[in-house]
Amino acid sequence: MVLLRSIFDMFCIMECCSNHWIKNDVKELDLRLKSQLIGQPLAYDLILRSIKSHTSNLNPSKSLVLSLHGGTGTGKNFVAKHIVESLYREGYKSKYVRLYVVSRDFMHHDPAHISQYKFSFDAC
């Protein structure tokens, strides 16, 4: 099985679900967060534990979804950037990464958009 996967990885020129494209480098993430995430020990511990647990499962039944909440300037995008750059070779350009920013992607103050949002999520 391992040999078959290695052969598949060799022919995967475009981004695909292989170790070449999806690094899952939790050690790199740990180092990045330890050295650059200041004053957020709960976020550091919870995020790292969740990602370690998910990446150690070779056949997870579901995708890992992280929803980061907090006011402006609390480091949500900062943490997301480090996660993406540690786990995916292509970073935010990876076809496996989705970043939603409320102020950009969900103009929720306009009721006309609500049905559009519902339709978008139903299509996922």
PDB file of N, CA and C in Angstrom:
ATOM      1  N   MET A   1       0.832  -1.194   0.000  1.00  0.00           N
ATOM      2  CA  MET A   1       0.000   0.000   0.000  1.00  0.00           C
ATOM      3  C   MET A   1       0.877   1.258   0.000  1.00  0.00           C
ATOM      4  N   VAL A   2       1.942   1.259   0.812  1.00  0.00           N
ATOM      5  CA  VAL A   2       2.835   2.417   0.881  1.00  0.00           C
ATOM      6  C   VAL A   2       3.537   2.616  -0.456  1.00  0.00           C
ATOM      7  N   LEU A   3       3.984   1.522  -1.076  1.00  0.00           N
ATOM      8  CA  LEU A   3       4.644   1.607  -2.378  1.00  0.00           C
ATOM      9  C   LEU A   3       3.697   2.175  -3.431  1.00  0.00           C
ATOM     10  N   LEU A   4       2.471   1.721  -3.435  1.00  0.00           N
ATOM     11  CA  LEU A   4       1.476   2.211  -4.382  1.00  0.00           C
ATOM     12  C   LEU A   4       1.249   3.708  -4.203  1.00  0.00           C
ATOM     13  N   ARG A   5       1.164   4.148  -2.959  1.00  0.00           N
ATOM     14  CA  ARG A   5       0.974   5.577  -2.685  1.00  0.00           C
ATOM     15  C   ARG A   5       2.181   6.377  -3.160  1.00  0.00           C
ATOM     16  N   SER A   6       3.395   5.869  -2.954  1.00  0.00           N
ATOM     17  CA  SER A   6       4.611   6.558  -3.399  1.00  0.00           C
ATOM     18  C   SER A   6       4.632   6.700  -4.915  1.00  0.00           C
ATOM     19  N   ILE A   7       4.216   5.664  -5.618  1.00  0.00           N
ATOM     20  CA  ILE A   7       4.161   5.719  -7.081  1.00  0.00           C
ATOM     21  C   ILE A   7       3.138   6.762  -7.521  1.00  0.00           C
ATOM     22  N   PHE A   8       1.986   6.791  -6.865  1.00  0.00           N
ATOM     23  CA  PHE A   8       0.950   7.784  -7.172  1.00  0.00           C
ATOM     24  C   PHE A   8       1.497   9.194  -6.964  1.00  0.00           C
ATOM     25  N   ASP A   9       2.220   9.417  -5.856  1.00  0.00           N
ATOM     26  CA  ASP A   9       2.773  10.740  -5.547  1.00  0.00           C
ATOM     27  C   ASP A   9       3.730  11.216  -6.639  1.00  0.00           C
ATOM     28  N   MET A  10       4.478  10.293  -7.258  1.00  0.00           N
ATOM     29  CA  MET A  10       5.434  10.660  -8.302  1.00  0.00           C
ATOM     30  C   MET A  10       4.732  11.252  -9.519  1.00  0.00           C
ATOM     31  N   PHE A  11       3.521  10.790  -9.821  1.00  0.00           N
ATOM     32  CA  PHE A  11       2.808  11.241 -11.003  1.00  0.00           C
ATOM     33  C   PHE A  11       1.868  12.407 -10.721  1.00  0.00           C
ATOM     34  N   CYS A  12       1.857  12.883  -9.525  1.00  0.00           N
ATOM     35  CA  CYS A  12       0.957  13.959  -9.129  1.00  0.00           C
ATOM     36  C   CYS A  12       1.649  15.303  -9.370  1.00  0.00           C
ATOM     37  N   ILE A  13       1.581  15.791 -10.604  1.00  0.00           N
ATOM     38  CA  ILE A  13       2.266  17.023 -10.982  1.00  0.00           C
ATOM     39  C   ILE A  13       1.475  18.237 -10.510  1.00  0.00           C
ATOM     40  N   MET A  14       0.178  18.223 -10.743  1.00  0.00           N
ATOM     41  CA  MET A  14      -0.692  19.292 -10.256  1.00  0.00           C
ATOM     42  C   MET A  14      -1.003  19.007  -8.791  1.00  0.00           C
ATOM     43  N   GLU A  15      -1.416  20.008  -8.071  1.00  0.00           N
ATOM     44  CA  GLU A  15      -1.703  19.816  -6.647  1.00  0.00           C
ATOM     45  C   GLU A  15      -2.733  18.710  -6.448  1.00  0.00           C
ATOM     46  N   CYS A  16      -2.388  17.777  -5.597  1.00  0.00           N
ATOM     47  CA  CYS A  16      -3.303  16.690  -5.275  1.00  0.00           C
ATOM     48  C   CYS A  16      -3.113  16.321  -3.805  1.00  0.00           C
ATOM     49  N   CYS A  17      -3.906  15.414  -3.360  1.00  0.00           N
ATOM     50  CA  CYS A  17      -3.926  15.029  -1.950  1.00  0.00           C
ATOM     51  C   CYS A  17      -2.782  14.050  -1.665  1.00  0.00           C
ATOM     52  N   SER A  18      -1.548  14.555  -1.644  1.00  0.00           N
ATOM     53  CA  SER A  18      -0.384  13.704  -1.393  1.00  0.00           C
ATOM     54  C   SER A  18       0.553  14.397  -0.410  1.00  0.00           C
ATOM     55  N   ASN A  19       1.502  13.646   0.112  1.00  0.00           N
ATOM     56  CA  ASN A  19       2.450  14.205   1.079  1.00  0.00           C
ATOM     57  C   ASN A  19       3.302  15.315   0.480  1.00  0.00           C
ATOM     58  N   HIS A  20       3.492  15.293  -0.822  1.00  0.00           N
ATOM     59  CA  HIS A  20       4.267  16.359  -1.455  1.00  0.00           C
ATOM     60  C   HIS A  20       3.545  17.700  -1.346  1.00  0.00           C
ATOM     61  N   TRP A  21       2.244  17.698  -1.532  1.00  0.00           N
ATOM     62  CA  TRP A  21       1.467  18.934  -1.544  1.00  0.00           C
ATOM     63  C   TRP A  21       0.894  19.296  -0.178  1.00  0.00           C
ATOM     64  N   ILE A  22       0.540  18.292   0.597  1.00  0.00           N
ATOM     65  CA  ILE A  22      -0.012  18.545   1.929  1.00  0.00           C
ATOM     66  C   ILE A  22       1.030  18.101   2.944  1.00  0.00           C
ATOM     67  N   LYS A  23       1.773  19.074   3.474  1.00  0.00           N
ATOM     68  CA  LYS A  23       2.920  18.782   4.335  1.00  0.00           C
ATOM     69  C   LYS A  23       2.514  18.256   5.704  1.00  0.00           C
ATOM     70  N   ASN A  24       1.420  18.787   6.237  1.00  0.00           N
ATOM     71  CA  ASN A  24       0.995  18.441   7.602  1.00  0.00           C
ATOM     72  C   ASN A  24       2.147  18.570   8.591  1.00  0.00           C
ATOM     73  N   ASP A  25       2.923  19.634   8.459  1.00  0.00           N
ATOM     74  CA  ASP A  25       4.095  19.832   9.308  1.00  0.00           C
ATOM     75  C   ASP A  25       3.683  20.486  10.630  1.00  0.00           C
ATOM     76  N   VAL A  26       3.222  19.660  11.550  1.00  0.00           N
ATOM     77  CA  VAL A  26       2.741  20.147  12.843  1.00  0.00           C
ATOM     78  C   VAL A  26       3.903  20.702  13.666  1.00  0.00           C
ATOM     79  N   LYS A  27       5.104  20.159  13.482  1.00  0.00           N
ATOM     80  CA  LYS A  27       6.278  20.684  14.202  1.00  0.00           C
ATOM     81  C   LYS A  27       6.576  22.117  13.767  1.00  0.00           C
ATOM     82  N   GLU A  28       6.482  22.380  12.468  1.00  0.00           N
ATOM     83  CA  GLU A  28       6.685  23.744  11.977  1.00  0.00           C
ATOM     84  C   GLU A  28       5.623  24.673  12.555  1.00  0.00           C
ATOM     85  N   LEU A  29       4.380  24.216  12.574  1.00  0.00           N
ATOM     86  CA  LEU A  29       3.296  25.018  13.142  1.00  0.00           C
ATOM     87  C   LEU A  29       3.556  25.303  14.614  1.00  0.00           C
ATOM     88  N   ASP A  30       3.981  24.298  15.350  1.00  0.00           N
ATOM     89  CA  ASP A  30       4.293  24.458  16.769  1.00  0.00           C
ATOM     90  C   ASP A  30       5.368  25.529  16.957  1.00  0.00           C
ATOM     91  N   LEU A  31       6.441  25.458  16.182  1.00  0.00           N
ATOM     92  CA  LEU A  31       7.521  26.447  16.289  1.00  0.00           C
ATOM     93  C   LEU A  31       7.039  27.848  15.926  1.00  0.00           C
ATOM     94  N   ARG A  32       6.255  27.947  14.871  1.00  0.00           N
ATOM     95  CA  ARG A  32       5.739  29.254  14.447  1.00  0.00           C
ATOM     96  C   ARG A  32       4.866  29.875  15.538  1.00  0.00           C
ATOM     97  N   LEU A  33       3.924  29.085  16.056  1.00  0.00           N
ATOM     98  CA  LEU A  33       3.007  29.624  17.061  1.00  0.00           C
ATOM     99  C   LEU A  33       3.735  29.940  18.363  1.00  0.00           C
ATOM    100  N   LYS A  34       4.655  29.065  18.777  1.00  0.00           N
ATOM    101  CA  LYS A  34       5.411  29.320  20.015  1.00  0.00           C
ATOM    102  C   LYS A  34       6.195  30.616  19.935  1.00  0.00           C
ATOM    103  N   SER A  35       6.813  30.870  18.786  1.00  0.00           N
ATOM    104  CA  SER A  35       7.681  32.038  18.680  1.00  0.00           C
ATOM    105  C   SER A  35       6.937  33.321  18.319  1.00  0.00           C
ATOM    106  N   GLN A  36       5.757  33.218  17.710  1.00  0.00           N
ATOM    107  CA  GLN A  36       5.116  34.424  17.202  1.00  0.00           C
ATOM    108  C   GLN A  36       3.729  34.725  17.756  1.00  0.00           C
ATOM    109  N   LEU A  37       3.084  33.751  18.370  1.00  0.00           N
ATOM    110  CA  LEU A  37       1.750  33.990  18.934  1.00  0.00           C
ATOM    111  C   LEU A  37       1.920  34.401  20.395  1.00  0.00           C
ATOM    112  N   ILE A  38       1.714  35.660  20.673  1.00  0.00           N
ATOM    113  CA  ILE A  38       1.966  36.217  22.002  1.00  0.00           C
ATOM    114  C   ILE A  38       0.642  36.401  22.749  1.00  0.00           C
ATOM    115  N   GLY A  39       0.593  35.939  23.986  1.00  0.00           N
ATOM    116  CA  GLY A  39      -0.550  36.199  24.858  1.00  0.00           C
ATOM    117  C   GLY A  39      -1.806  35.419  24.537  1.00  0.00           C
ATOM    118  N   GLN A  40      -1.678  34.308  23.843  1.00  0.00           N
ATOM    119  CA  GLN A  40      -2.850  33.501  23.491  1.00  0.00           C
ATOM    120  C   GLN A  40      -2.591  32.032  23.830  1.00  0.00           C
ATOM    121  N   PRO A  41      -2.289  31.714  25.095  1.00  0.00           N
ATOM    122  CA  PRO A  41      -1.945  30.320  25.436  1.00  0.00           C
ATOM    123  C   PRO A  41      -3.093  29.338  25.203  1.00  0.00           C
ATOM    124  N   LEU A  42      -4.327  29.756  25.418  1.00  0.00           N
ATOM    125  CA  LEU A  42      -5.461  28.855  25.186  1.00  0.00           C
ATOM    126  C   LEU A  42      -5.615  28.551  23.697  1.00  0.00           C
ATOM    127  N   ALA A  43      -5.496  29.578  22.875  1.00  0.00           N
ATOM    128  CA  ALA A  43      -5.603  29.380  21.422  1.00  0.00           C
ATOM    129  C   ALA A  43      -4.479  28.477  20.937  1.00  0.00           C
ATOM    130  N   TYR A  44      -3.273  28.735  21.401  1.00  0.00           N
ATOM    131  CA  TYR A  44      -2.114  27.923  20.999  1.00  0.00           C
ATOM    132  C   TYR A  44      -2.362  26.455  21.321  1.00  0.00           C
ATOM    133  N   ASP A  45      -2.742  26.172  22.546  1.00  0.00           N
ATOM    134  CA  ASP A  45      -2.925  24.789  22.988  1.00  0.00           C
ATOM    135  C   ASP A  45      -4.064  24.103  22.235  1.00  0.00           C
ATOM    136  N   LEU A  46      -5.196  24.757  22.140  1.00  0.00           N
ATOM    137  CA  LEU A  46      -6.369  24.150  21.506  1.00  0.00           C
ATOM    138  C   LEU A  46      -6.155  23.920  20.009  1.00  0.00           C
ATOM    139  N   ILE A  47      -5.610  24.900  19.330  1.00  0.00           N
ATOM    140  CA  ILE A  47      -5.381  24.781  17.888  1.00  0.00           C
ATOM    141  C   ILE A  47      -4.367  23.683  17.594  1.00  0.00           C
ATOM    142  N   LEU A  48      -3.256  23.693  18.313  1.00  0.00           N
ATOM    143  CA  LEU A  48      -2.220  22.694  18.064  1.00  0.00           C
ATOM    144  C   LEU A  48      -2.728  21.287  18.366  1.00  0.00           C
ATOM    145  N   ARG A  49      -3.444  21.136  19.465  1.00  0.00           N
ATOM    146  CA  ARG A  49      -3.985  19.822  19.829  1.00  0.00           C
ATOM    147  C   ARG A  49      -4.978  19.319  18.777  1.00  0.00           C
ATOM    148  N   SER A  50      -5.850  20.197  18.315  1.00  0.00           N
ATOM    149  CA  SER A  50      -6.851  19.819  17.305  1.00  0.00           C
ATOM    150  C   SER A  50      -6.189  19.389  15.998  1.00  0.00           C
ATOM    151  N   ILE A  51      -5.207  20.148  15.564  1.00  0.00           N
ATOM    152  CA  ILE A  51      -4.537  19.834  14.299  1.00  0.00           C
ATOM    153  C   ILE A  51      -3.692  18.570  14.421  1.00  0.00           C
ATOM    154  N   LYS A  52      -2.997  18.405  15.540  1.00  0.00           N
ATOM    155  CA  LYS A  52      -2.215  17.172  15.756  1.00  0.00           C
ATOM    156  C   LYS A  52      -3.128  15.954  15.709  1.00  0.00           C
ATOM    157  N   SER A  53      -4.244  16.040  16.391  1.00  0.00           N
ATOM    158  CA  SER A  53      -5.183  14.925  16.439  1.00  0.00           C
ATOM    159  C   SER A  53      -5.717  14.599  15.047  1.00  0.00           C
ATOM    160  N   HIS A  54      -6.071  15.625  14.300  1.00  0.00           N
ATOM    161  CA  HIS A  54      -6.638  15.407  12.966  1.00  0.00           C
ATOM    162  C   HIS A  54      -5.599  14.846  11.994  1.00  0.00           C
ATOM    163  N   THR A  55      -4.384  15.387  12.011  1.00  0.00           N
ATOM    164  CA  THR A  55      -3.369  14.942  11.056  1.00  0.00           C
ATOM    165  C   THR A  55      -2.795  13.573  11.402  1.00  0.00           C
ATOM    166  N   SER A  56      -2.926  13.148  12.642  1.00  0.00           N
ATOM    167  CA  SER A  56      -2.413  11.824  13.008  1.00  0.00           C
ATOM    168  C   SER A  56      -3.359  10.706  12.569  1.00  0.00           C
ATOM    169  N   ASN A  57      -4.600  11.056  12.244  1.00  0.00           N
ATOM    170  CA  ASN A  57      -5.577  10.081  11.754  1.00  0.00           C
ATOM    171  C   ASN A  57      -5.391   9.939  10.237  1.00  0.00           C
ATOM    172  N   LEU A  58      -4.980   8.762   9.778  1.00  0.00           N
ATOM    173  CA  LEU A  58      -4.715   8.564   8.353  1.00  0.00           C
ATOM    174  C   LEU A  58      -5.970   8.608   7.491  1.00  0.00           C
ATOM    175  N   ASN A  59      -7.106   8.278   8.060  1.00  0.00           N
ATOM    176  CA  ASN A  59      -8.367   8.287   7.311  1.00  0.00           C
ATOM    177  C   ASN A  59      -9.462   8.987   8.108  1.00  0.00           C
ATOM    178  N   PRO A  60      -9.355  10.314   8.272  1.00  0.00           N
ATOM    179  CA  PRO A  60     -10.404  11.006   9.031  1.00  0.00           C
ATOM    180  C   PRO A  60     -11.737  10.941   8.287  1.00  0.00           C
ATOM    181  N   SER A  61     -12.799  10.780   9.043  1.00  0.00           N
ATOM    182  CA  SER A  61     -14.119  10.677   8.418  1.00  0.00           C
ATOM    183  C   SER A  61     -14.674  12.050   8.023  1.00  0.00           C
ATOM    184  N   LYS A  62     -14.110  13.112   8.596  1.00  0.00           N
ATOM    185  CA  LYS A  62     -14.589  14.463   8.308  1.00  0.00           C
ATOM    186  C   LYS A  62     -13.405  15.405   8.151  1.00  0.00           C
ATOM    187  N   SER A  63     -13.644  16.513   7.497  1.00  0.00           N
ATOM    188  CA  SER A  63     -12.636  17.563   7.400  1.00  0.00           C
ATOM    189  C   SER A  63     -12.526  18.271   8.735  1.00  0.00           C
ATOM    190  N   LEU A  64     -11.380  18.837   9.003  1.00  0.00           N
ATOM    191  CA  LEU A  64     -11.207  19.653  10.202  1.00  0.00           C
ATOM    192  C   LEU A  64     -11.608  21.082   9.850  1.00  0.00           C
ATOM    193  N   VAL A  65     -12.522  21.634  10.610  1.00  0.00           N
ATOM    194  CA  VAL A  65     -12.962  23.010  10.419  1.00  0.00           C
ATOM    195  C   VAL A  65     -12.640  23.777  11.685  1.00  0.00           C
ATOM    196  N   LEU A  66     -11.927  24.879  11.533  1.00  0.00           N
ATOM    197  CA  LEU A  66     -11.618  25.742  12.670  1.00  0.00           C
ATOM    198  C   LEU A  66     -12.337  27.063  12.460  1.00  0.00           C
ATOM    199  N   SER A  67     -13.030  27.509  13.469  1.00  0.00           N
ATOM    200  CA  SER A  67     -13.720  28.785  13.423  1.00  0.00           C
ATOM    201  C   SER A  67     -13.102  29.665  14.502  1.00  0.00           C
ATOM    202  N   LEU A  68     -12.359  30.669  14.079  1.00  0.00           N
ATOM    203  CA  LEU A  68     -11.665  31.548  15.021  1.00  0.00           C
ATOM    204  C   LEU A  68     -12.507  32.798  15.240  1.00  0.00           C
ATOM    205  N   HIS A  69     -12.756  33.108  16.497  1.00  0.00           N
ATOM    206  CA  HIS A  69     -13.602  34.246  16.847  1.00  0.00           C
ATOM    207  C   HIS A  69     -12.813  35.235  17.692  1.00  0.00           C
ATOM    208  N   GLY A  70     -13.164  36.497  17.571  1.00  0.00           N
ATOM    209  CA  GLY A  70     -12.536  37.532  18.383  1.00  0.00           C
ATOM    210  C   GLY A  70     -12.651  38.868  17.689  1.00  0.00           C
ATOM    211  N   GLY A  71     -12.360  39.895  18.435  1.00  0.00           N
ATOM    212  CA  GLY A  71     -12.439  41.245  17.900  1.00  0.00           C
ATOM    213  C   GLY A  71     -11.317  41.538  16.921  1.00  0.00           C
ATOM    214  N   THR A  72     -11.385  42.717  16.331  1.00  0.00           N
ATOM    215  CA  THR A  72     -10.363  43.158  15.395  1.00  0.00           C
ATOM    216  C   THR A  72      -9.006  43.194  16.084  1.00  0.00           C
ATOM    217  N   GLY A  73      -8.001  42.656  15.398  1.00  0.00           N
ATOM    218  CA  GLY A  73      -6.636  42.721  15.913  1.00  0.00           C
ATOM    219  C   GLY A  73      -6.273  41.667  16.936  1.00  0.00           C
ATOM    220  N   THR A  74      -7.087  40.634  17.085  1.00  0.00           N
ATOM    221  CA  THR A  74      -6.781  39.608  18.092  1.00  0.00           C
ATOM    222  C   THR A  74      -5.961  38.452  17.527  1.00  0.00           C
ATOM    223  N   GLY A  75      -5.686  38.455  16.219  1.00  0.00           N
ATOM    224  CA  GLY A  75      -4.782  37.463  15.646  1.00  0.00           C
ATOM    225  C   GLY A  75      -5.419  36.304  14.906  1.00  0.00           C
ATOM    226  N   LYS A  76      -6.681  36.419  14.541  1.00  0.00           N
ATOM    227  CA  LYS A  76      -7.360  35.314  13.848  1.00  0.00           C
ATOM    228  C   LYS A  76      -6.702  35.020  12.497  1.00  0.00           C
ATOM    229  N   ASN A  77      -6.528  36.038  11.670  1.00  0.00           N
ATOM    230  CA  ASN A  77      -5.897  35.841  10.362  1.00  0.00           C
ATOM    231  C   ASN A  77      -4.426  35.473  10.508  1.00  0.00           C
ATOM    232  N   PHE A  78      -3.779  36.001  11.512  1.00  0.00           N
ATOM    233  CA  PHE A  78      -2.376  35.699  11.804  1.00  0.00           C
ATOM    234  C   PHE A  78      -2.209  34.208  12.080  1.00  0.00           C
ATOM    235  N   VAL A  79      -3.065  33.659  12.930  1.00  0.00           N
ATOM    236  CA  VAL A  79      -3.019  32.229  13.256  1.00  0.00           C
ATOM    237  C   VAL A  79      -3.371  31.401  12.022  1.00  0.00           C
ATOM    238  N   ALA A  80      -4.400  31.804  11.288  1.00  0.00           N
ATOM    239  CA  ALA A  80      -4.806  31.072  10.083  1.00  0.00           C
ATOM    240  C   ALA A  80      -3.662  31.013   9.076  1.00  0.00           C
ATOM    241  N   LYS A  81      -2.946  32.116   8.917  1.00  0.00           N
ATOM    242  CA  LYS A  81      -1.807  32.168   7.991  1.00  0.00           C
ATOM    243  C   LYS A  81      -0.754  31.132   8.376  1.00  0.00           C
ATOM    244  N   HIS A  82      -0.438  31.044   9.648  1.00  0.00           N
ATOM    245  CA  HIS A  82       0.577  30.086  10.092  1.00  0.00           C
ATOM    246  C   HIS A  82       0.104  28.644   9.925  1.00  0.00           C
ATOM    247  N   ILE A  83      -1.157  28.402  10.165  1.00  0.00           N
ATOM    248  CA  ILE A  83      -1.700  27.050   9.974  1.00  0.00           C
ATOM    249  C   ILE A  83      -1.579  26.654   8.505  1.00  0.00           C
ATOM    250  N   VAL A  84      -2.056  27.510   7.629  1.00  0.00           N
ATOM    251  CA  VAL A  84      -2.062  27.212   6.192  1.00  0.00           C
ATOM    252  C   VAL A  84      -0.643  27.028   5.659  1.00  0.00           C
ATOM    253  N   GLU A  85       0.276  27.894   6.049  1.00  0.00           N
ATOM    254  CA  GLU A  85       1.645  27.799   5.543  1.00  0.00           C
ATOM    255  C   GLU A  85       2.395  26.595   6.103  1.00  0.00           C
ATOM    256  N   SER A  86       1.987  26.100   7.254  1.00  0.00           N
ATOM    257  CA  SER A  86       2.634  24.927   7.844  1.00  0.00           C
ATOM    258  C   SER A  86       2.076  23.621   7.291  1.00  0.00           C
ATOM    259  N   LEU A  87       0.845  23.630   6.866  1.00  0.00           N
ATOM    260  CA  LEU A  87       0.204  22.385   6.448  1.00  0.00           C
ATOM    261  C   LEU A  87       0.146  22.188   4.934  1.00  0.00           C
ATOM    262  N   TYR A  88       0.123  23.271   4.166  1.00  0.00           N
ATOM    263  CA  TYR A  88      -0.044  23.161   2.715  1.00  0.00           C
ATOM    264  C   TYR A  88       1.112  23.822   1.978  1.00  0.00           C
ATOM    265  N   ARG A  89       1.724  23.101   1.062  1.00  0.00           N
ATOM    266  CA  ARG A  89       2.863  23.612   0.291  1.00  0.00           C
ATOM    267  C   ARG A  89       2.481  24.888  -0.465  1.00  0.00           C
ATOM    268  N   GLU A  90       1.281  24.953  -1.003  1.00  0.00           N
ATOM    269  CA  GLU A  90       0.835  26.116  -1.773  1.00  0.00           C
ATOM    270  C   GLU A  90       0.252  27.227  -0.897  1.00  0.00           C
ATOM    271  N   GLY A  91       0.190  27.023   0.406  1.00  0.00           N
ATOM    272  CA  GLY A  91      -0.370  28.032   1.299  1.00  0.00           C
ATOM    273  C   GLY A  91      -1.807  28.368   0.933  1.00  0.00           C
ATOM    274  N   TYR A  92      -2.123  29.657   0.891  1.00  0.00           N
ATOM    275  CA  TYR A  92      -3.491  30.084   0.570  1.00  0.00           C
ATOM    276  C   TYR A  92      -3.873  29.788  -0.882  1.00  0.00           C
ATOM    277  N   LYS A  93      -2.905  29.504  -1.729  1.00  0.00           N
ATOM    278  CA  LYS A  93      -3.198  29.180  -3.131  1.00  0.00           C
ATOM    279  C   LYS A  93      -3.670  27.735  -3.294  1.00  0.00           C
ATOM    280  N   SER A  94      -3.573  26.943  -2.237  1.00  0.00           N
ATOM    281  CA  SER A  94      -3.978  25.540  -2.300  1.00  0.00           C
ATOM    282  C   SER A  94      -5.467  25.418  -2.581  1.00  0.00           C
ATOM    283  N   LYS A  95      -5.809  24.442  -3.402  1.00  0.00           N
ATOM    284  CA  LYS A  95      -7.229  24.222  -3.688  1.00  0.00           C
ATOM    285  C   LYS A  95      -7.944  23.573  -2.507  1.00  0.00           C
ATOM    286  N   TYR A  96      -7.196  23.202  -1.474  1.00  0.00           N
ATOM    287  CA  TYR A  96      -7.785  22.576  -0.294  1.00  0.00           C
ATOM    288  C   TYR A  96      -8.021  23.570   0.843  1.00  0.00           C
ATOM    289  N   VAL A  97      -7.752  24.841   0.615  1.00  0.00           N
ATOM    290  CA  VAL A  97      -7.873  25.853   1.666  1.00  0.00           C
ATOM    291  C   VAL A  97      -8.985  26.831   1.310  1.00  0.00           C
ATOM    292  N   ARG A  98      -9.823  27.130   2.288  1.00  0.00           N
ATOM    293  CA  ARG A  98     -10.874  28.138   2.134  1.00  0.00           C
ATOM    294  C   ARG A  98     -10.754  29.115   3.293  1.00  0.00           C
ATOM    295  N   LEU A  99     -10.673  30.382   2.985  1.00  0.00           N
ATOM    296  CA  LEU A  99     -10.639  31.416   4.011  1.00  0.00           C
ATOM    297  C   LEU A  99     -11.844  32.313   3.793  1.00  0.00           C
ATOM    298  N   TYR A 100     -12.676  32.397   4.798  1.00  0.00           N
ATOM    299  CA  TYR A 100     -13.834  33.276   4.747  1.00  0.00           C
ATOM    300  C   TYR A 100     -13.612  34.420   5.725  1.00  0.00           C
ATOM    301  N   VAL A 101     -13.770  35.633   5.234  1.00  0.00           N
ATOM    302  CA  VAL A 101     -13.674  36.828   6.064  1.00  0.00           C
ATOM    303  C   VAL A 101     -15.053  37.477   6.046  1.00  0.00           C
ATOM    304  N   VAL A 102     -15.644  37.603   7.214  1.00  0.00           N
ATOM    305  CA  VAL A 102     -17.032  38.067   7.308  1.00  0.00           C
ATOM    306  C   VAL A 102     -17.238  39.395   6.598  1.00  0.00           C
ATOM    307  N   SER A 103     -16.369  40.360   6.856  1.00  0.00           N
ATOM    308  CA  SER A 103     -16.573  41.691   6.278  1.00  0.00           C
ATOM    309  C   SER A 103     -16.424  41.701   4.761  1.00  0.00           C
ATOM    310  N   ARG A 104     -15.781  40.703   4.207  1.00  0.00           N
ATOM    311  CA  ARG A 104     -15.596  40.629   2.762  1.00  0.00           C
ATOM    312  C   ARG A 104     -16.583  39.663   2.103  1.00  0.00           C
ATOM    313  N   ASP A 105     -16.783  38.510   2.712  1.00  0.00           N
ATOM    314  CA  ASP A 105     -17.543  37.436   2.081  1.00  0.00           C
ATOM    315  C   ASP A 105     -19.021  37.397   2.459  1.00  0.00           C
ATOM    316  N   PHE A 106     -19.379  38.013   3.564  1.00  0.00           N
ATOM    317  CA  PHE A 106     -20.766  37.946   4.033  1.00  0.00           C
ATOM    318  C   PHE A 106     -21.239  39.339   4.423  1.00  0.00           C
ATOM    319  N   MET A 107     -21.745  40.051   3.468  1.00  0.00           N
ATOM    320  CA  MET A 107     -22.250  41.390   3.752  1.00  0.00           C
ATOM    321  C   MET A 107     -23.635  41.241   4.376  1.00  0.00           C
ATOM    322  N   HIS A 108     -23.650  40.680   5.586  1.00  0.00           N
ATOM    323  CA  HIS A 108     -24.886  40.262   6.244  1.00  0.00           C
ATOM    324  C   HIS A 108     -25.840  41.402   6.580  1.00  0.00           C
ATOM    325  N   HIS A 109     -25.385  42.623   6.480  1.00  0.00           N
ATOM    326  CA  HIS A 109     -26.295  43.734   6.759  1.00  0.00           C
ATOM    327  C   HIS A 109     -27.318  43.915   5.631  1.00  0.00           C
ATOM    328  N   ASP A 110     -27.117  43.246   4.516  1.00  0.00           N
ATOM    329  CA  ASP A 110     -28.046  43.326   3.393  1.00  0.00           C
ATOM    330  C   ASP A 110     -28.866  42.035   3.326  1.00  0.00           C
ATOM    331  N   PRO A 111     -30.154  42.079   3.731  1.00  0.00           N
ATOM    332  CA  PRO A 111     -30.990  40.867   3.754  1.00  0.00           C
ATOM    333  C   PRO A 111     -31.102  40.163   2.400  1.00  0.00           C
ATOM    334  N   ALA A 112     -30.881  40.876   1.315  1.00  0.00           N
ATOM    335  CA  ALA A 112     -30.975  40.259  -0.010  1.00  0.00           C
ATOM    336  C   ALA A 112     -29.908  39.187  -0.209  1.00  0.00           C
ATOM    337  N   HIS A 113     -28.816  39.291   0.515  1.00  0.00           N
ATOM    338  CA  HIS A 113     -27.725  38.330   0.355  1.00  0.00           C
ATOM    339  C   HIS A 113     -27.922  37.046   1.160  1.00  0.00           C
ATOM    340  N   ILE A 114     -28.800  37.045   2.136  1.00  0.00           N
ATOM    341  CA  ILE A 114     -28.942  35.889   3.029  1.00  0.00           C
ATOM    342  C   ILE A 114     -29.304  34.627   2.256  1.00  0.00           C
ATOM    343  N   SER A 115     -30.250  34.713   1.320  1.00  0.00           N
ATOM    344  CA  SER A 115     -30.618  33.511   0.551  1.00  0.00           C
ATOM    345  C   SER A 115     -29.451  33.056  -0.320  1.00  0.00           C
ATOM    346  N   GLN A 116     -28.659  33.989  -0.800  1.00  0.00           N
ATOM    347  CA  GLN A 116     -27.472  33.641  -1.596  1.00  0.00           C
ATOM    348  C   GLN A 116     -26.461  32.875  -0.732  1.00  0.00           C
ATOM    349  N   TYR A 117     -26.258  33.303   0.524  1.00  0.00           N
ATOM    350  CA  TYR A 117     -25.332  32.612   1.424  1.00  0.00           C
ATOM    351  C   TYR A 117     -25.819  31.198   1.705  1.00  0.00           C
ATOM    352  N   LYS A 118     -27.115  31.081   1.966  1.00  0.00           N
ATOM    353  CA  LYS A 118     -27.681  29.755   2.242  1.00  0.00           C
ATOM    354  C   LYS A 118     -27.466  28.826   1.054  1.00  0.00           C
ATOM    355  N   PHE A 119     -27.683  29.336  -0.142  1.00  0.00           N
ATOM    356  CA  PHE A 119     -27.489  28.536  -1.349  1.00  0.00           C
ATOM    357  C   PHE A 119     -26.023  28.116  -1.489  1.00  0.00           C
ATOM    358  N   SER A 120     -25.092  29.025  -1.218  1.00  0.00           N
ATOM    359  CA  SER A 120     -23.658  28.730  -1.326  1.00  0.00           C
ATOM    360  C   SER A 120     -23.255  27.607  -0.391  1.00  0.00           C
ATOM    361  N   PHE A 121     -23.746  27.640   0.839  1.00  0.00           N
ATOM    362  CA  PHE A 121     -23.373  26.616   1.811  1.00  0.00           C
ATOM    363  C   PHE A 121     -24.045  25.284   1.507  1.00  0.00           C
ATOM    364  N   ASP A 122     -25.252  25.321   0.966  1.00  0.00           N
ATOM    365  CA  ASP A 122     -25.926  24.076   0.590  1.00  0.00           C
ATOM    366  C   ASP A 122     -25.174  23.375  -0.536  1.00  0.00           C
ATOM    367  N   ALA A 123     -24.494  24.147  -1.372  1.00  0.00           N
ATOM    368  CA  ALA A 123     -23.768  23.579  -2.511  1.00  0.00           C
ATOM    369  C   ALA A 123     -22.466  22.899  -2.093  1.00  0.00           C
ATOM    370  N   CYS A 124     -21.985  23.179  -0.894  1.00  0.00           N
ATOM    371  CA  CYS A 124     -20.703  22.602  -0.440  1.00  0.00           C
ATOM    372  C   CYS A 124     -20.800  21.121  -0.185  1.00  0.00           C
TER     373      CYS A 124
END
